[in-house]
């Protein structure tokens, strides 16, 4: 088993080495579960993608508040905030 080193940023972010992402066929947006094994050891588990299409919508429904709008209107509003 080979080891590689990542650095924890001030915001608590870690970059996973590219060769490991490719080896495990990980894609952007996939969820990783962190499990504490001991005081100095962690396990990272790749969670299976959700099969629930409603769950795949993410935060959109939370902000829509029941109002049906066109995608173009949403995009315009999101881009205005950048």
PDB file of N, CA and C in Angstrom:
ATOM      1  N   UNK A   1       0.856  -1.177   0.000  1.00  0.00           N
ATOM      2  CA  UNK A   1       0.000   0.000   0.000  1.00  0.00           C
ATOM      3  C   UNK A   1       0.897   1.233   0.000  1.00  0.00           C
ATOM      4  N   UNK A   2       0.683   2.121  -0.951  1.00  0.00           N
ATOM      5  CA  UNK A   2       1.468   3.345  -1.000  1.00  0.00           C
ATOM      6  C   UNK A   2       0.724   4.451  -0.253  1.00  0.00           C
ATOM      7  N   UNK A   3       1.484   5.440   0.192  1.00  0.00           N
ATOM      8  CA  UNK A   3       0.840   6.551   0.893  1.00  0.00           C
ATOM      9  C   UNK A   3       1.180   7.849   0.180  1.00  0.00           C
ATOM     10  N   UNK A   4       0.283   8.804   0.302  1.00  0.00           N
ATOM     11  CA  UNK A   4       0.467  10.126  -0.265  1.00  0.00           C
ATOM     12  C   UNK A   4       0.033  11.139   0.773  1.00  0.00           C
ATOM     13  N   UNK A   5       0.521  12.357   0.641  1.00  0.00           N
ATOM     14  CA  UNK A   5       0.245  13.385   1.649  1.00  0.00           C
ATOM     15  C   UNK A   5      -0.594  14.503   1.056  1.00  0.00           C
ATOM     16  N   UNK A   6      -1.596  14.932   1.803  1.00  0.00           N
ATOM     17  CA  UNK A   6      -2.405  16.110   1.478  1.00  0.00           C
ATOM     18  C   UNK A   6      -2.246  17.089   2.623  1.00  0.00           C
ATOM     19  N   UNK A   7      -2.514  18.370   2.348  1.00  0.00           N
ATOM     20  CA  UNK A   7      -2.407  19.401   3.370  1.00  0.00           C
ATOM     21  C   UNK A   7      -3.791  19.964   3.674  1.00  0.00           C
ATOM     22  N   UNK A   8      -4.107  20.094   4.939  1.00  0.00           N
ATOM     23  CA  UNK A   8      -5.368  20.659   5.383  1.00  0.00           C
ATOM     24  C   UNK A   8      -5.278  22.187   5.303  1.00  0.00           C
ATOM     25  N   UNK A   9      -6.252  22.815   4.634  1.00  0.00           N
ATOM     26  CA  UNK A   9      -6.256  24.273   4.511  1.00  0.00           C
ATOM     27  C   UNK A   9      -6.838  24.913   5.772  1.00  0.00           C
ATOM     28  N   UNK A  10      -6.759  26.237   5.847  1.00  0.00           N
ATOM     29  CA  UNK A  10      -7.329  26.965   6.991  1.00  0.00           C
ATOM     30  C   UNK A  10      -8.828  26.755   7.093  1.00  0.00           C
ATOM     31  N   UNK A  11      -9.479  26.496   5.970  1.00  0.00           N
ATOM     32  CA  UNK A  11     -10.932  26.294   5.956  1.00  0.00           C
ATOM     33  C   UNK A  11     -11.308  24.827   6.165  1.00  0.00           C
ATOM     34  N   UNK A  12     -10.332  23.967   6.455  1.00  0.00           N
ATOM     35  CA  UNK A  12     -10.617  22.567   6.718  1.00  0.00           C
ATOM     36  C   UNK A  12     -10.789  21.729   5.471  1.00  0.00           C
ATOM     37  N   UNK A  13     -10.294  22.204   4.329  1.00  0.00           N
ATOM     38  CA  UNK A  13     -10.436  21.478   3.074  1.00  0.00           C
ATOM     39  C   UNK A  13      -9.192  20.657   2.786  1.00  0.00           C
ATOM     40  N   UNK A  14      -9.400  19.531   2.104  1.00  0.00           N
ATOM     41  CA  UNK A  14      -8.313  18.644   1.724  1.00  0.00           C
ATOM     42  C   UNK A  14      -8.487  18.281   0.258  1.00  0.00           C
ATOM     43  N   UNK A  15      -7.400  18.281  -0.503  1.00  0.00           N
ATOM     44  CA  UNK A  15      -7.448  17.822  -1.893  1.00  0.00           C
ATOM     45  C   UNK A  15      -7.016  16.373  -1.945  1.00  0.00           C
ATOM     46  N   UNK A  16      -7.793  15.571  -2.637  1.00  0.00           N
ATOM     47  CA  UNK A  16      -7.463  14.161  -2.795  1.00  0.00           C
ATOM     48  C   UNK A  16      -6.544  14.019  -3.999  1.00  0.00           C
ATOM     49  N   UNK A  17      -5.455  13.267  -3.881  1.00  0.00           N
ATOM     50  CA  UNK A  17      -4.546  13.102  -5.006  1.00  0.00           C
ATOM     51  C   UNK A  17      -5.263  12.586  -6.257  1.00  0.00           C
ATOM     52  N   UNK A  18      -4.914  13.175  -7.408  1.00  0.00           N
ATOM     53  CA  UNK A  18      -5.595  12.868  -8.668  1.00  0.00           C
ATOM     54  C   UNK A  18      -5.503  11.394  -9.039  1.00  0.00           C
ATOM     55  N   UNK A  19      -4.347  10.782  -8.814  1.00  0.00           N
ATOM     56  CA  UNK A  19      -4.225   9.374  -9.207  1.00  0.00           C
ATOM     57  C   UNK A  19      -5.152   8.472  -8.384  1.00  0.00           C
ATOM     58  N   UNK A  20      -5.417   8.836  -7.128  1.00  0.00           N
ATOM     59  CA  UNK A  20      -6.370   8.059  -6.326  1.00  0.00           C
ATOM     60  C   UNK A  20      -7.801   8.277  -6.802  1.00  0.00           C
ATOM     61  N   UNK A  21      -8.134   9.535  -7.171  1.00  0.00           N
ATOM     62  CA  UNK A  21      -9.480   9.802  -7.704  1.00  0.00           C
ATOM     63  C   UNK A  21      -9.722   8.988  -8.970  1.00  0.00           C
ATOM     64  N   UNK A  22      -8.714   8.956  -9.855  1.00  0.00           N
ATOM     65  CA  UNK A  22      -8.863   8.180 -11.099  1.00  0.00           C
ATOM     66  C   UNK A  22      -8.966   6.692 -10.813  1.00  0.00           C
ATOM     67  N   UNK A  23      -8.119   6.196  -9.934  1.00  0.00           N
ATOM     68  CA  UNK A  23      -8.106   4.762  -9.597  1.00  0.00           C
ATOM     69  C   UNK A  23      -9.454   4.320  -9.041  1.00  0.00           C
ATOM     70  N   UNK A  24     -10.094   5.186  -8.253  1.00  0.00           N
ATOM     71  CA  UNK A  24     -11.376   4.852  -7.633  1.00  0.00           C
ATOM     72  C   UNK A  24     -12.565   5.321  -8.468  1.00  0.00           C
ATOM     73  N   UNK A  25     -12.283   5.909  -9.642  1.00  0.00           N
ATOM     74  CA  UNK A  25     -13.332   6.377 -10.560  1.00  0.00           C
ATOM     75  C   UNK A  25     -14.268   7.381  -9.892  1.00  0.00           C
ATOM     76  N   UNK A  26     -13.704   8.299  -9.105  1.00  0.00           N
ATOM     77  CA  UNK A  26     -14.506   9.312  -8.412  1.00  0.00           C
ATOM     78  C   UNK A  26     -14.780  10.481  -9.342  1.00  0.00           C
ATOM     79  N   UNK A  27     -15.960  11.030  -9.219  1.00  0.00           N
ATOM     80  CA  UNK A  27     -16.405  12.150 -10.047  1.00  0.00           C
ATOM     81  C   UNK A  27     -16.771  13.329  -9.154  1.00  0.00           C
ATOM     82  N   UNK A  28     -16.712  14.554  -9.685  1.00  0.00           N
ATOM     83  CA  UNK A  28     -17.128  15.719  -8.894  1.00  0.00           C
ATOM     84  C   UNK A  28     -18.561  15.547  -8.372  1.00  0.00           C
ATOM     85  N   UNK A  29     -18.770  15.932  -7.141  1.00  0.00           N
ATOM     86  CA  UNK A  29     -20.091  15.835  -6.540  1.00  0.00           C
ATOM     87  C   UNK A  29     -20.321  14.547  -5.770  1.00  0.00           C
ATOM     88  N   UNK A  30     -19.443  13.556  -5.944  1.00  0.00           N
ATOM     89  CA  UNK A  30     -19.617  12.321  -5.166  1.00  0.00           C
ATOM     90  C   UNK A  30     -19.357  12.618  -3.703  1.00  0.00           C
ATOM     91  N   UNK A  31     -20.064  11.905  -2.849  1.00  0.00           N
ATOM     92  CA  UNK A  31     -19.965  12.144  -1.415  1.00  0.00           C
ATOM     93  C   UNK A  31     -18.983  11.171  -0.784  1.00  0.00           C
ATOM     94  N   UNK A  32     -18.165  11.703   0.131  1.00  0.00           N
ATOM     95  CA  UNK A  32     -17.211  10.905   0.890  1.00  0.00           C
ATOM     96  C   UNK A  32     -17.584  11.000   2.361  1.00  0.00           C
ATOM     97  N   UNK A  33     -17.623   9.863   3.027  1.00  0.00           N
ATOM     98  CA  UNK A  33     -17.946   9.840   4.464  1.00  0.00           C
ATOM     99  C   UNK A  33     -16.650   9.639   5.245  1.00  0.00           C
ATOM    100  N   UNK A  34     -16.389  10.506   6.212  1.00  0.00           N
ATOM    101  CA  UNK A  34     -15.192  10.437   7.039  1.00  0.00           C
ATOM    102  C   UNK A  34     -15.547   9.747   8.349  1.00  0.00           C
ATOM    103  N   UNK A  35     -14.783   8.710   8.697  1.00  0.00           N
ATOM    104  CA  UNK A  35     -15.018   7.968   9.938  1.00  0.00           C
ATOM    105  C   UNK A  35     -13.763   8.030  10.797  1.00  0.00           C
ATOM    106  N   UNK A  36     -13.932   8.347  12.067  1.00  0.00           N
ATOM    107  CA  UNK A  36     -12.813   8.386  13.003  1.00  0.00           C
ATOM    108  C   UNK A  36     -12.519   6.971  13.478  1.00  0.00           C
ATOM    109  N   UNK A  37     -11.286   6.520  13.284  1.00  0.00           N
ATOM    110  CA  UNK A  37     -10.862   5.185  13.711  1.00  0.00           C
ATOM    111  C   UNK A  37     -10.166   5.272  15.067  1.00  0.00           C
ATOM    112  N   UNK A  38      -9.303   6.262  15.219  1.00  0.00           N
ATOM    113  CA  UNK A  38      -8.609   6.506  16.486  1.00  0.00           C
ATOM    114  C   UNK A  38      -8.246   7.987  16.536  1.00  0.00           C
ATOM    115  N   UNK A  39      -7.460   8.381  17.528  1.00  0.00           N
ATOM    116  CA  UNK A  39      -7.050   9.784  17.669  1.00  0.00           C
ATOM    117  C   UNK A  39      -6.220  10.268  16.478  1.00  0.00           C
ATOM    118  N   UNK A  40      -5.560   9.362  15.777  1.00  0.00           N
ATOM    119  CA  UNK A  40      -4.672   9.772  14.681  1.00  0.00           C
ATOM    120  C   UNK A  40      -4.976   9.059  13.366  1.00  0.00           C
ATOM    121  N   UNK A  41      -6.153   8.455  13.260  1.00  0.00           N
ATOM    122  CA  UNK A  41      -6.479   7.698  12.044  1.00  0.00           C
ATOM    123  C   UNK A  41      -7.923   7.938  11.617  1.00  0.00           C
ATOM    124  N   UNK A  42      -8.107   8.153  10.314  1.00  0.00           N
ATOM    125  CA  UNK A  42      -9.429   8.350   9.715  1.00  0.00           C
ATOM    126  C   UNK A  42      -9.622   7.351   8.586  1.00  0.00           C
ATOM    127  N   UNK A  43     -10.862   7.042   8.321  1.00  0.00           N
ATOM    128  CA  UNK A  43     -11.213   6.234   7.157  1.00  0.00           C
ATOM    129  C   UNK A  43     -12.146   7.073   6.301  1.00  0.00           C
ATOM    130  N   UNK A  44     -11.907   7.068   4.993  1.00  0.00           N
ATOM    131  CA  UNK A  44     -12.767   7.777   4.053  1.00  0.00           C
ATOM    132  C   UNK A  44     -13.496   6.719   3.237  1.00  0.00           C
ATOM    133  N   UNK A  45     -14.824   6.770   3.252  1.00  0.00           N
ATOM    134  CA  UNK A  45     -15.649   5.801   2.546  1.00  0.00           C
ATOM    135  C   UNK A  45     -16.424   6.517   1.455  1.00  0.00           C
ATOM    136  N   UNK A  46     -16.378   5.972   0.241  1.00  0.00           N
ATOM    137  CA  UNK A  46     -17.135   6.545  -0.871  1.00  0.00           C
ATOM    138  C   UNK A  46     -18.576   6.081  -0.737  1.00  0.00           C
ATOM    139  N   UNK A  47     -19.498   7.033  -0.620  1.00  0.00           N
ATOM    140  CA  UNK A  47     -20.912   6.677  -0.510  1.00  0.00           C
ATOM    141  C   UNK A  47     -21.481   6.383  -1.892  1.00  0.00           C
ATOM    142  N   UNK A  48     -22.374   5.426  -1.940  1.00  0.00           N
ATOM    143  CA  UNK A  48     -23.029   5.086  -3.198  1.00  0.00           C
ATOM    144  C   UNK A  48     -23.898   6.249  -3.647  1.00  0.00           C
ATOM    145  N   UNK A  49     -23.939   6.517  -4.961  1.00  0.00           N
ATOM    146  CA  UNK A  49     -24.802   7.598  -5.451  1.00  0.00           C
ATOM    147  C   UNK A  49     -26.257   7.323  -5.089  1.00  0.00           C
ATOM    148  N   UNK A  50     -26.988   8.390  -4.843  1.00  0.00           N
ATOM    149  CA  UNK A  50     -28.389   8.246  -4.489  1.00  0.00           C
ATOM    150  C   UNK A  50     -29.218   7.888  -5.719  1.00  0.00           C
ATOM    151  N   UNK A  51     -30.163   7.013  -5.551  1.00  0.00           N
ATOM    152  CA  UNK A  51     -31.040   6.614  -6.649  1.00  0.00           C
ATOM    153  C   UNK A  51     -32.327   7.434  -6.636  1.00  0.00           C
ATOM    154  N   UNK A  52     -32.491   8.258  -5.617  1.00  0.00           N
ATOM    155  CA  UNK A  52     -33.698   9.053  -5.467  1.00  0.00           C
ATOM    156  C   UNK A  52     -33.566  10.349  -6.273  1.00  0.00           C
ATOM    157  N   UNK A  53     -34.320  10.529  -7.361  1.00  0.00           N
ATOM    158  CA  UNK A  53     -34.179  11.727  -8.179  1.00  0.00           C
ATOM    159  C   UNK A  53     -34.523  13.012  -7.432  1.00  0.00           C
ATOM    160  N   UNK A  54     -35.400  12.937  -6.456  1.00  0.00           N
ATOM    161  CA  UNK A  54     -35.757  14.130  -5.687  1.00  0.00           C
ATOM    162  C   UNK A  54     -34.566  14.560  -4.827  1.00  0.00           C
ATOM    163  N   UNK A  55     -33.857  13.581  -4.234  1.00  0.00           N
ATOM    164  CA  UNK A  55     -32.688  13.907  -3.422  1.00  0.00           C
ATOM    165  C   UNK A  55     -31.577  14.498  -4.279  1.00  0.00           C
ATOM    166  N   UNK A  56     -31.517  14.127  -5.549  1.00  0.00           N
ATOM    167  CA  UNK A  56     -30.490  14.634  -6.453  1.00  0.00           C
ATOM    168  C   UNK A  56     -30.689  16.118  -6.776  1.00  0.00           C
ATOM    169  N   UNK A  57     -31.853  16.665  -6.466  1.00  0.00           N
ATOM    170  CA  UNK A  57     -32.112  18.075  -6.732  1.00  0.00           C
ATOM    171  C   UNK A  57     -31.332  19.000  -5.807  1.00  0.00           C
ATOM    172  N   UNK A  58     -30.848  18.476  -4.704  1.00  0.00           N
ATOM    173  CA  UNK A  58     -30.037  19.275  -3.796  1.00  0.00           C
ATOM    174  C   UNK A  58     -30.824  20.354  -3.094  1.00  0.00           C
ATOM    175  N   UNK A  59     -30.277  21.567  -3.072  1.00  0.00           N
ATOM    176  CA  UNK A  59     -30.884  22.661  -2.323  1.00  0.00           C
ATOM    177  C   UNK A  59     -31.940  23.431  -3.102  1.00  0.00           C
ATOM    178  N   UNK A  60     -32.095  23.162  -4.380  1.00  0.00           N
ATOM    179  CA  UNK A  60     -33.046  23.905  -5.206  1.00  0.00           C
ATOM    180  C   UNK A  60     -34.432  24.019  -4.606  1.00  0.00           C
ATOM    181  N   UNK A  61     -35.060  22.910  -4.216  1.00  0.00           N
ATOM    182  CA  UNK A  61     -36.412  22.990  -3.662  1.00  0.00           C
ATOM    183  C   UNK A  61     -36.495  23.865  -2.403  1.00  0.00           C
ATOM    184  N   UNK A  62     -35.422  23.894  -1.623  1.00  0.00           N
ATOM    185  CA  UNK A  62     -35.421  24.691  -0.397  1.00  0.00           C
ATOM    186  C   UNK A  62     -35.590  26.175  -0.722  1.00  0.00           C
ATOM    187  N   UNK A  63     -34.966  26.624  -1.800  1.00  0.00           N
ATOM    188  CA  UNK A  63     -35.010  28.033  -2.149  1.00  0.00           C
ATOM    189  C   UNK A  63     -36.156  28.396  -3.087  1.00  0.00           C
ATOM    190  N   UNK A  64     -36.778  27.423  -3.700  1.00  0.00           N
ATOM    191  CA  UNK A  64     -37.890  27.711  -4.612  1.00  0.00           C
ATOM    192  C   UNK A  64     -39.140  28.127  -3.857  1.00  0.00           C
ATOM    193  N   UNK A  65     -39.336  27.593  -2.679  1.00  0.00           N
ATOM    194  CA  UNK A  65     -40.478  27.928  -1.821  1.00  0.00           C
ATOM    195  C   UNK A  65     -41.813  27.757  -2.531  1.00  0.00           C
ATOM    196  N   UNK A  66     -41.923  26.675  -3.313  1.00  0.00           N
ATOM    197  CA  UNK A  66     -43.184  26.336  -3.943  1.00  0.00           C
ATOM    198  C   UNK A  66     -43.541  27.131  -5.175  1.00  0.00           C
ATOM    199  N   UNK A  67     -42.714  28.098  -5.579  1.00  0.00           N
ATOM    200  CA  UNK A  67     -43.010  28.923  -6.743  1.00  0.00           C
ATOM    201  C   UNK A  67     -42.359  28.301  -7.975  1.00  0.00           C
ATOM    202  N   UNK A  68     -43.168  27.947  -8.954  1.00  0.00           N
ATOM    203  CA  UNK A  68     -42.637  27.374 -10.191  1.00  0.00           C
ATOM    204  C   UNK A  68     -42.091  28.496 -11.067  1.00  0.00           C
ATOM    205  N   UNK A  69     -40.827  28.357 -11.487  1.00  0.00           N
ATOM    206  CA  UNK A  69     -40.197  29.356 -12.346  1.00  0.00           C
ATOM    207  C   UNK A  69     -39.415  28.657 -13.453  1.00  0.00           C
ATOM    208  N   UNK A  70     -39.194  29.381 -14.523  1.00  0.00           N
ATOM    209  CA  UNK A  70     -38.435  28.830 -15.627  1.00  0.00           C
ATOM    210  C   UNK A  70     -36.951  28.764 -15.263  1.00  0.00           C
ATOM    211  N   UNK A  71     -36.245  27.814 -15.839  1.00  0.00           N
ATOM    212  CA  UNK A  71     -34.814  27.666 -15.587  1.00  0.00           C
ATOM    213  C   UNK A  71     -34.065  28.938 -15.968  1.00  0.00           C
ATOM    214  N   UNK A  72     -34.444  29.552 -17.079  1.00  0.00           N
ATOM    215  CA  UNK A  72     -33.780  30.778 -17.525  1.00  0.00           C
ATOM    216  C   UNK A  72     -33.890  31.883 -16.470  1.00  0.00           C
ATOM    217  N   UNK A  73     -35.032  31.973 -15.793  1.00  0.00           N
ATOM    218  CA  UNK A  73     -35.216  32.976 -14.736  1.00  0.00           C
ATOM    219  C   UNK A  73     -34.301  32.681 -13.552  1.00  0.00           C
ATOM    220  N   UNK A  74     -34.194  31.394 -13.190  1.00  0.00           N
ATOM    221  CA  UNK A  74     -33.317  31.002 -12.088  1.00  0.00           C
ATOM    222  C   UNK A  74     -31.871  31.340 -12.413  1.00  0.00           C
ATOM    223  N   UNK A  75     -31.441  31.008 -13.628  1.00  0.00           N
ATOM    224  CA  UNK A  75     -30.065  31.268 -14.023  1.00  0.00           C
ATOM    225  C   UNK A  75     -29.749  32.758 -14.007  1.00  0.00           C
ATOM    226  N   UNK A  76     -30.682  33.564 -14.462  1.00  0.00           N
ATOM    227  CA  UNK A  76     -30.483  35.014 -14.470  1.00  0.00           C
ATOM    228  C   UNK A  76     -30.312  35.516 -13.035  1.00  0.00           C
ATOM    229  N   UNK A  77     -31.148  35.023 -12.128  1.00  0.00           N
ATOM    230  CA  UNK A  77     -31.066  35.446 -10.731  1.00  0.00           C
ATOM    231  C   UNK A  77     -29.735  34.994 -10.105  1.00  0.00           C
ATOM    232  N   UNK A  78     -29.328  33.757 -10.389  1.00  0.00           N
ATOM    233  CA  UNK A  78     -28.069  33.253  -9.831  1.00  0.00           C
ATOM    234  C   UNK A  78     -26.874  34.040 -10.365  1.00  0.00           C
ATOM    235  N   UNK A  79     -26.864  34.325 -11.640  1.00  0.00           N
ATOM    236  CA  UNK A  79     -25.752  35.057 -12.241  1.00  0.00           C
ATOM    237  C   UNK A  79     -25.679  36.492 -11.738  1.00  0.00           C
ATOM    238  N   UNK A  80     -26.802  37.069 -11.405  1.00  0.00           N
ATOM    239  CA  UNK A  80     -26.832  38.440 -10.894  1.00  0.00           C
ATOM    240  C   UNK A  80     -26.123  38.537  -9.553  1.00  0.00           C
ATOM    241  N   UNK A  81     -26.110  37.430  -8.813  1.00  0.00           N
ATOM    242  CA  UNK A  81     -25.468  37.426  -7.493  1.00  0.00           C
ATOM    243  C   UNK A  81     -23.973  37.242  -7.540  1.00  0.00           C
ATOM    244  N   UNK A  82     -23.401  36.986  -8.709  1.00  0.00           N
ATOM    245  CA  UNK A  82     -21.949  36.738  -8.796  1.00  0.00           C
ATOM    246  C   UNK A  82     -21.151  38.019  -8.802  1.00  0.00           C
TER     247      UNK A  82
END
